[in-house]
Protein backbone atom coordinates (compact mmCIF):
# COMPACT_ATOMS: atom_id res chain seq x y z
CA MET A 1 0.21 0.07 -0.08
CA LYS A 2 2.72 2.32 0.86
CA LYS A 3 4.76 1.41 -2.28
CA TRP A 4 1.54 2.23 -4.31
CA PHE A 5 1.03 5.54 -2.64
CA GLN A 6 4.64 6.54 -3.37
CA GLU A 7 4.16 5.69 -7.11
CA VAL A 8 1.08 7.98 -7.40
CA PRO A 9 2.40 11.54 -8.89
CA THR A 10 2.88 14.39 -6.34
CA TRP A 11 -0.47 16.32 -7.77
CA GLY A 12 -2.30 13.03 -7.23
CA ARG A 13 -1.20 12.87 -3.56
CA TRP A 14 -2.40 16.11 -2.96
CA THR A 15 -5.88 15.32 -4.67
CA LEU A 16 -6.17 12.25 -2.52
CA ALA A 17 -5.36 13.93 0.75
CA LEU A 18 -7.82 16.65 -0.16
CA LEU A 19 -10.53 14.13 -0.73
CA SER A 20 -9.71 12.36 2.41
CA GLY A 21 -9.98 15.54 4.47
CA LEU A 22 -13.39 16.50 2.76
CA LEU A 23 -14.55 12.89 3.33
CA VAL A 24 -13.58 13.25 7.30
CA PHE A 25 -15.22 16.65 7.37
CA GLY A 26 -18.55 15.23 5.83
CA MET A 27 -18.57 12.55 8.30
CA LEU A 28 -18.07 14.87 11.16
CA ALA A 29 -20.66 17.04 9.96
CA MET A 30 -23.12 14.20 9.94
CA VAL A 31 -22.28 13.13 13.38
CA PHE A 32 -22.27 16.63 15.12
CA GLY A 33 -24.96 18.40 13.01
CA PHE A 34 -22.53 20.88 11.36
CA ASP A 35 -23.70 22.65 8.26
CA ALA A 36 -20.62 22.72 5.86
CA GLY A 37 -22.20 25.67 4.01
CA ASP A 38 -22.50 27.86 7.06
CA ASP A 39 -20.09 28.98 9.61
CA ARG A 40 -22.50 28.81 12.51
CA ARG A 41 -26.09 28.46 13.10
CA THR A 42 -27.73 31.75 13.56
CA GLU A 43 -29.78 31.94 17.01
CA LYS A 44 -33.43 33.09 16.80
CA VAL A 45 -35.21 34.76 19.67
CA GLY A 46 -38.66 35.40 19.77
CA PHE A 47 -40.40 38.55 21.27
CA ILE A 48 -44.06 38.82 22.21
CA ILE A 49 -45.39 42.23 23.24
CA LEU A 50 -48.98 43.72 24.16
CA GLY A 51 -48.98 46.82 21.85
CA GLY A 52 -47.02 48.05 18.74
CA ILE A 53 -43.52 48.16 18.73
CA ASP A 54 -43.66 51.73 17.39
CA GLU A 55 -45.83 53.03 20.18
CA PRO A 56 -43.98 55.66 22.41
CA GLY A 57 -43.52 54.24 26.13
CA TRP A 58 -43.30 50.78 27.21
CA ASN A 59 -43.74 49.04 23.98
CA GLU A 60 -41.33 51.03 21.80
CA SER A 61 -38.79 51.12 24.59
CA HIS A 62 -38.66 47.51 25.03
CA TYR A 63 -38.53 46.66 21.34
CA GLU A 64 -35.68 49.12 20.89
CA GLY A 65 -33.89 47.53 23.74
CA ILE A 66 -34.14 43.86 22.53
CA LYS A 67 -33.42 44.86 18.88
CA SER A 68 -30.21 46.56 20.00
CA ALA A 69 -29.05 43.65 22.24
CA CYS A 70 -29.97 41.10 19.38
CA GLU A 71 -27.74 43.16 16.95
CA THR A 72 -24.96 43.26 19.13
CA LEU A 73 -24.78 39.60 19.95
CA GLY A 74 -25.65 38.43 16.37
CA VAL A 75 -29.01 37.03 17.04
CA ALA A 76 -32.12 37.06 14.69
CA LEU A 77 -35.13 38.68 16.33
CA LEU A 78 -38.72 37.53 15.63
CA VAL A 79 -41.37 39.74 16.77
CA ARG A 80 -45.12 39.29 17.53
CA GLU A 81 -46.68 42.71 18.38
CA HIS A 82 -50.44 43.64 19.20
CA VAL A 83 -50.89 40.34 21.24
CA ALA A 84 -53.54 40.88 23.83
CA GLU A 85 -53.60 39.32 27.11
CA GLY A 86 -56.56 37.02 28.31
CA THR A 87 -57.60 35.92 24.65
CA GLY A 88 -55.28 32.99 23.98
CA ALA A 89 -53.35 34.89 21.59
CA VAL A 90 -50.05 34.59 23.32
CA ASN A 91 -50.32 30.71 23.16
CA GLU A 92 -50.57 30.95 19.26
CA ALA A 93 -47.78 33.50 19.09
CA ILE A 94 -45.67 31.01 20.79
CA ARG A 95 -46.52 28.16 18.75
CA SER A 96 -45.76 30.28 15.53
CA LEU A 97 -42.42 31.40 16.94
CA ALA A 98 -41.48 27.80 17.83
CA ASP A 99 -42.45 26.67 14.18
CA GLU A 100 -39.86 29.48 13.04
CA GLY A 101 -37.20 27.96 15.04
CA ALA A 102 -36.91 30.19 17.88
CA GLY A 103 -34.63 28.99 20.70
CA MET A 104 -35.82 31.54 23.21
CA ILE A 105 -38.85 33.56 23.60
CA PHE A 106 -39.40 36.72 25.81
CA LEU A 107 -42.95 37.23 27.02
CA CYS A 108 -43.16 41.15 27.47
CA SER A 109 -46.48 41.54 29.34
CA TYR A 110 -47.38 40.96 32.80
CA GLY A 111 -50.46 38.50 32.19
CA TYR A 112 -48.46 36.32 29.62
CA PRO A 113 -46.54 33.67 31.78
CA GLU A 114 -49.54 32.43 33.75
CA GLU A 115 -51.85 32.35 30.56
CA ALA A 116 -49.22 30.50 28.67
CA ARG A 117 -48.27 28.07 31.58
CA GLU A 118 -49.22 24.95 29.51
CA THR A 119 -47.93 26.10 26.15
CA VAL A 120 -44.60 27.11 27.77
CA ALA A 121 -44.42 23.58 29.31
CA ALA A 122 -45.11 21.99 25.97
CA TYR A 123 -41.82 23.34 24.52
CA PRO A 124 -39.18 22.20 27.05
CA GLY A 125 -36.44 22.86 24.57
CA ILE A 126 -37.25 26.45 24.23
CA ALA A 127 -35.85 28.86 26.89
CA PHE A 128 -38.61 31.33 28.08
CA ALA A 129 -38.03 34.64 29.87
CA THR A 130 -40.28 37.33 31.37
CA HIS A 131 -40.28 40.43 33.35
CA ALA A 132 -43.31 39.23 35.25
CA PRO A 133 -43.71 36.49 38.17
CA SER A 134 -43.28 33.18 36.28
CA PRO A 135 -45.22 29.78 36.83
CA ASP A 136 -43.67 26.70 38.25
CA VAL A 137 -42.26 25.55 34.99
CA PRO A 138 -38.52 24.71 34.62
CA ASN A 139 -37.77 26.37 31.27
CA ILE A 140 -39.17 29.82 32.14
CA THR A 141 -37.30 32.45 34.23
CA SER A 142 -38.25 35.86 35.69
CA CYS A 143 -35.82 38.67 34.97
CA PHE A 144 -36.57 41.66 36.95
CA PRO A 145 -35.23 45.18 36.15
CA ARG A 146 -35.21 47.12 39.60
CA MET A 147 -37.39 49.70 38.14
CA PHE A 148 -38.49 50.48 41.57
CA GLN A 149 -35.12 52.09 42.36
CA GLY A 150 -35.80 54.70 39.59
CA ARG A 151 -39.33 55.24 40.98
CA TYR A 152 -37.72 55.80 44.57
CA LEU A 153 -35.55 58.59 43.03
CA ALA A 154 -38.41 60.04 41.22
CA GLY A 155 -40.38 60.16 44.50
CA ALA A 156 -37.70 62.11 46.08
CA LEU A 157 -37.77 64.54 43.38
CA ALA A 158 -41.44 64.88 43.56
CA GLY A 159 -41.41 65.34 47.27
CA LEU A 160 -38.84 68.09 47.23
CA ARG A 161 -40.65 69.88 44.40
CA THR A 162 -44.35 69.74 45.21
CA LYS A 163 -45.90 73.11 46.57
CA THR A 164 -49.11 71.49 47.39
CA ASN A 165 -47.74 68.30 49.15
CA VAL A 166 -50.07 66.38 46.94
CA ILE A 167 -48.49 64.02 44.27
CA GLY A 168 -50.67 61.99 41.81
CA TYR A 169 -49.93 58.55 40.67
CA VAL A 170 -51.96 57.21 37.72
CA ALA A 171 -51.56 53.35 38.05
CA ALA A 172 -52.94 50.51 35.83
CA MET A 173 -53.88 47.86 38.34
CA PRO A 174 -52.82 46.62 41.70
CA ASN A 175 -50.60 43.59 41.12
CA ALA A 176 -47.28 42.98 42.78
CA GLN A 177 -45.07 44.92 40.19
CA VAL A 178 -47.42 48.12 40.13
CA ASN A 179 -47.57 47.98 43.98
CA ARG A 180 -43.58 47.61 44.32
CA ASN A 181 -43.08 50.47 42.02
CA LEU A 182 -45.78 52.71 43.76
CA ASN A 183 -44.44 51.84 47.33
CA ALA A 184 -40.87 52.71 46.38
CA PHE A 185 -41.97 56.07 44.87
CA ALA A 186 -43.88 56.86 48.01
CA LEU A 187 -41.12 55.95 50.29
CA GLY A 188 -38.82 58.39 48.17
CA ALA A 189 -41.36 60.94 48.50
CA LEU A 190 -41.88 60.75 52.26
CA ARG A 191 -38.21 60.40 52.95
CA ALA A 192 -37.60 63.74 51.04
CA ASN A 193 -40.82 65.38 52.50
CA PRO A 194 -42.63 63.73 55.24
CA ASN A 195 -45.78 65.82 54.74
CA ALA A 196 -46.36 64.46 51.21
CA ARG A 197 -49.30 62.65 50.10
CA ILE A 198 -49.47 60.18 47.46
CA VAL A 199 -52.80 59.90 45.85
CA VAL A 200 -53.48 56.92 43.33
CA ALA A 201 -56.07 56.69 40.71
CA TRP A 202 -56.50 53.42 39.10
CA THR A 203 -57.44 52.81 35.28
CA GLY A 204 -57.81 48.91 35.42
CA ALA A 205 -55.68 48.55 32.06
CA TRP A 206 -52.37 49.05 30.72
CA GLU A 207 -53.52 51.43 28.17
CA ASP A 208 -56.72 53.40 28.42
CA ALA A 209 -56.17 57.07 27.26
CA GLU A 210 -59.57 58.35 28.17
CA LYS A 211 -59.34 56.97 31.69
CA GLU A 212 -55.91 58.07 32.05
CA LYS A 213 -56.78 61.69 31.11
CA GLU A 214 -59.78 61.64 33.24
CA ASN A 215 -57.62 60.52 36.36
CA VAL A 216 -55.22 63.27 35.84
CA LEU A 217 -58.04 65.78 35.86
CA GLN A 218 -59.41 64.24 39.05
CA LEU A 219 -56.02 64.20 40.67
CA VAL A 220 -55.43 67.80 39.90
CA HIS A 221 -59.06 69.26 40.49
CA ARG A 222 -60.20 67.07 43.32
CA SER A 223 -56.99 66.26 45.07
CA GLY A 224 -54.76 69.23 44.54
CA ALA A 225 -51.88 67.36 42.93
CA ASP A 226 -49.35 69.55 41.51
CA ILE A 227 -47.06 66.86 40.18
CA ILE A 228 -48.09 63.40 38.50
CA THR A 229 -46.59 60.36 37.44
CA TYR A 230 -47.84 57.06 36.38
CA GLN A 231 -47.45 53.33 35.55
CA GLN A 232 -49.16 53.01 32.12
CA ASP A 233 -47.78 51.77 28.74
CA ASP A 234 -48.78 54.65 26.68
CA GLN A 235 -48.19 58.52 26.66
CA ALA A 236 -51.66 59.74 27.57
CA VAL A 237 -50.65 61.03 31.03
CA PRO A 238 -47.95 63.32 30.06
CA ASP A 239 -50.07 64.66 27.16
CA ALA A 240 -52.92 65.37 29.79
CA CYS A 241 -50.50 66.98 32.11
CA GLU A 242 -49.17 69.20 29.44
CA ALA A 243 -52.55 70.32 28.56
CA LEU A 244 -53.27 71.27 31.92
CA GLY A 245 -49.95 72.90 32.77
CA VAL A 246 -49.15 70.40 35.52
CA ASP A 247 -45.62 69.12 36.22
CA PHE A 248 -45.08 65.45 35.66
CA ILE A 249 -42.45 62.68 35.77
CA SER A 250 -42.62 60.22 32.67
CA VAL A 251 -41.70 56.50 32.55
CA ASN A 252 -39.99 54.53 29.62
CA THR A 253 -40.19 57.62 27.36
CA ARG A 254 -37.79 60.66 26.88
CA LEU A 255 -39.88 63.96 26.87
CA ALA A 256 -37.33 66.41 27.86
CA ASN A 257 -38.99 68.65 25.09
CA TYR A 258 -42.35 68.76 27.14
CA PRO A 259 -42.22 72.18 29.08
CA HIS A 260 -43.71 70.50 32.26
CA HIS A 261 -41.47 67.54 32.26
CA LEU A 262 -39.35 67.02 35.55
CA ALA A 263 -37.65 63.77 34.64
CA SER A 264 -37.83 60.34 33.08
CA ILE A 265 -37.78 57.13 34.88
CA THR A 266 -36.08 54.92 32.29
CA CYS A 267 -34.31 51.42 32.00
CA ARG A 268 -31.34 50.79 29.85
CA TRP A 269 -33.41 47.86 28.09
CA ASP A 270 -30.60 47.18 25.86
CA ILE A 271 -28.43 46.26 29.03
CA TYR A 272 -31.33 44.38 30.28
CA TYR A 273 -31.87 42.35 27.23
CA ARG A 274 -28.16 41.77 26.61
CA HIS A 275 -27.74 40.32 29.96
CA ILE A 276 -30.67 37.76 29.38
CA LEU A 277 -29.50 36.95 25.89
CA GLN A 278 -25.91 36.27 27.07
CA ARG A 279 -27.28 33.80 29.82
CA TYR A 280 -29.27 32.22 27.20
CA LEU A 281 -26.42 31.85 24.72
CA LYS A 282 -24.31 30.34 27.41
CA GLY A 283 -27.07 27.79 28.37
CA GLU A 284 -27.44 29.48 31.70
CA LEU A 285 -30.96 31.34 31.34
CA ASN A 286 -33.19 28.79 33.01
CA ALA A 287 -30.55 27.57 35.75
CA ILE A 288 -32.04 29.82 38.40
CA ARG A 289 -35.77 30.94 38.85
CA ASN A 290 -35.33 34.89 39.34
CA ARG A 291 -32.73 37.40 38.05
CA TRP A 292 -32.67 40.97 39.10
CA ILE A 293 -30.70 43.82 37.08
CA GLY A 294 -30.62 47.19 38.86
CA ILE A 295 -28.92 50.48 39.20
CA ASP A 296 -25.50 48.95 40.19
CA GLU A 297 -25.23 47.55 36.65
CA GLY A 298 -26.19 50.66 34.84
CA ALA A 299 -29.57 49.67 33.88
CA ILE A 300 -31.78 52.08 35.94
CA HIS A 301 -31.80 55.89 35.44
CA LEU A 302 -33.63 59.04 36.44
CA ALA A 303 -32.78 60.76 33.24
CA ASP A 304 -33.56 64.05 31.57
CA VAL A 305 -33.83 65.90 34.94
CA SER A 306 -35.09 69.44 34.33
CA GLU A 307 -33.10 72.45 35.43
CA ARG A 308 -36.14 73.94 37.07
CA ILE A 309 -35.71 71.44 40.18
CA GLY A 310 -32.85 73.55 41.31
CA LEU A 311 -29.28 72.69 42.47
CA ASP A 312 -30.40 71.66 46.13
CA ALA A 313 -32.96 69.07 44.85
CA GLY A 314 -30.52 67.95 42.35
CA TYR A 315 -27.70 67.12 44.73
CA ALA A 316 -30.31 65.50 47.07
CA VAL A 317 -31.42 63.03 44.47
CA ALA A 318 -27.78 62.51 43.31
CA GLY A 319 -26.83 61.59 46.78
CA LEU A 320 -29.81 58.89 47.05
CA ARG A 321 -28.46 57.49 43.77
CA ARG A 322 -25.05 57.07 45.11
CA ASP A 323 -26.63 55.29 48.23
CA LEU A 324 -28.43 52.84 46.00
CA GLU A 325 -25.35 52.20 43.99
CA GLY A 326 -23.83 51.32 47.06
CA PHE A 327 -26.49 48.73 47.75
CA HIS A 328 -28.33 50.74 50.50
CA PRO A 329 -31.81 49.13 50.39
CA ILE A 330 -35.01 50.97 49.67
CA PHE A 331 -37.25 48.78 51.74
CA ARG A 332 -35.52 49.04 55.03
CA GLY A 333 -37.58 49.27 58.17
CA PRO A 334 -39.44 50.50 59.96
CA ILE A 335 -42.34 50.70 57.41
CA ARG A 336 -45.80 50.77 58.23
CA ASP A 337 -48.90 50.24 55.77
CA THR A 338 -51.86 52.57 55.29
CA ARG A 339 -53.63 50.77 58.30
CA GLY A 340 -50.57 51.51 60.61
CA LEU A 341 -49.65 47.79 60.53
CA LEU A 342 -45.72 47.43 60.94
CA ARG A 343 -44.79 45.59 57.65
CA VAL A 344 -41.05 45.90 57.99
CA GLY A 345 -39.42 46.23 61.52
CA ALA A 346 -36.70 48.67 62.50
CA GLY A 347 -33.46 47.67 60.79
CA GLU A 348 -35.01 44.82 58.81
CA VAL A 349 -34.94 44.72 54.98
CA LEU A 350 -37.64 43.45 52.77
CA HIS A 351 -36.15 40.88 50.54
CA ASP A 352 -36.64 40.03 46.81
CA ASP A 353 -38.93 37.27 47.33
CA ALA A 354 -41.35 39.51 49.27
CA LEU A 355 -40.90 42.18 46.59
CA LEU A 356 -41.68 39.82 43.85
CA ALA A 357 -44.69 38.00 45.02
CA ARG A 358 -46.10 39.25 48.26
CA MET A 359 -46.43 43.17 47.74
CA ASP A 360 -50.09 43.42 48.28
CA TRP A 361 -50.06 46.49 50.56
CA TYR A 362 -49.35 49.99 50.45
CA VAL A 363 -46.85 52.16 52.50
CA GLU A 364 -48.24 54.71 54.92
CA GLY A 365 -48.88 57.98 53.19
CA VAL A 366 -50.54 56.33 50.10
CA GLU A 367 -54.12 57.33 49.41
CA PHE A 368 -56.63 56.19 46.87
CA LEU A 369 -58.81 58.61 44.75
CA ASP A 370 -61.77 56.36 44.63
CA ARG A 371 -61.74 55.14 48.30
């Protein structure tokens, strides 16, 4: 055999060596699933959201964030928008994304995870993530931005700025996420101004422009609020405040060009989604049940702070931010609820599990427009 190979011309030996190499590579491709025509398989990530990706506020900011993260990491983004909660549409969206080859799916509305529990469980090979509490299914993880840190800073700013000592808060619905943010805002306002009152008006929906505008009117004219903030997915509250000439603090949208805008509570959603996608690409996403991303990682900000707040208020808020970056907890006792019940004892800290699922009460100083 050796003699036969030596008798083959040099060009023939090279040809045989090349063919042998291609044969070995082909066999390895069959065994390990390599695609000889592609350097690597492109990962596909699905994204399901309640509204339209071009709607200012929650929807657009999340889309721009995950789009940026996918582009940075070389991941293909598959989007399903206008997927209403409580209709079963999220289950159909999951199935269609699975059919398109999504290896990970992000559920970007509070009610999706529980509604899609059985569908998520039916795709154990897909990694799911959400910003809401997740059902007890192994392949879904809750990834929470500590938006309540930005709310706390905004509350302090409002407490320092108010002249009537009444701050209005338009809120979608009383779930743990909304309550967590509301309570953090109230704690910030009350620590900056113990005489402040935080008056809440519920809308019952993530988006209801008419109800939101009506609530702003009621908070201003009935309660005397001179500063308004909100937790809604759209921009109806800022527009209503501008129409009335009332100062406001925005959320998930940059409105520095509005004359009555005081500041924006923002999350760097690109940082948030990049963190999640990196965990997914490493195969670590569902290794733990809950992940938190906060101000210490550069994700949470109080941005576009108006010059009208003055230097003293600006320095005070900046000091609170440094405290948060140094891991000073917001929910440190003593904290009492609206009934005077001690919820967090002196020196105690409310931990993440309680913030996540058991925030069904309101701190002392919070009032309700309709109660």
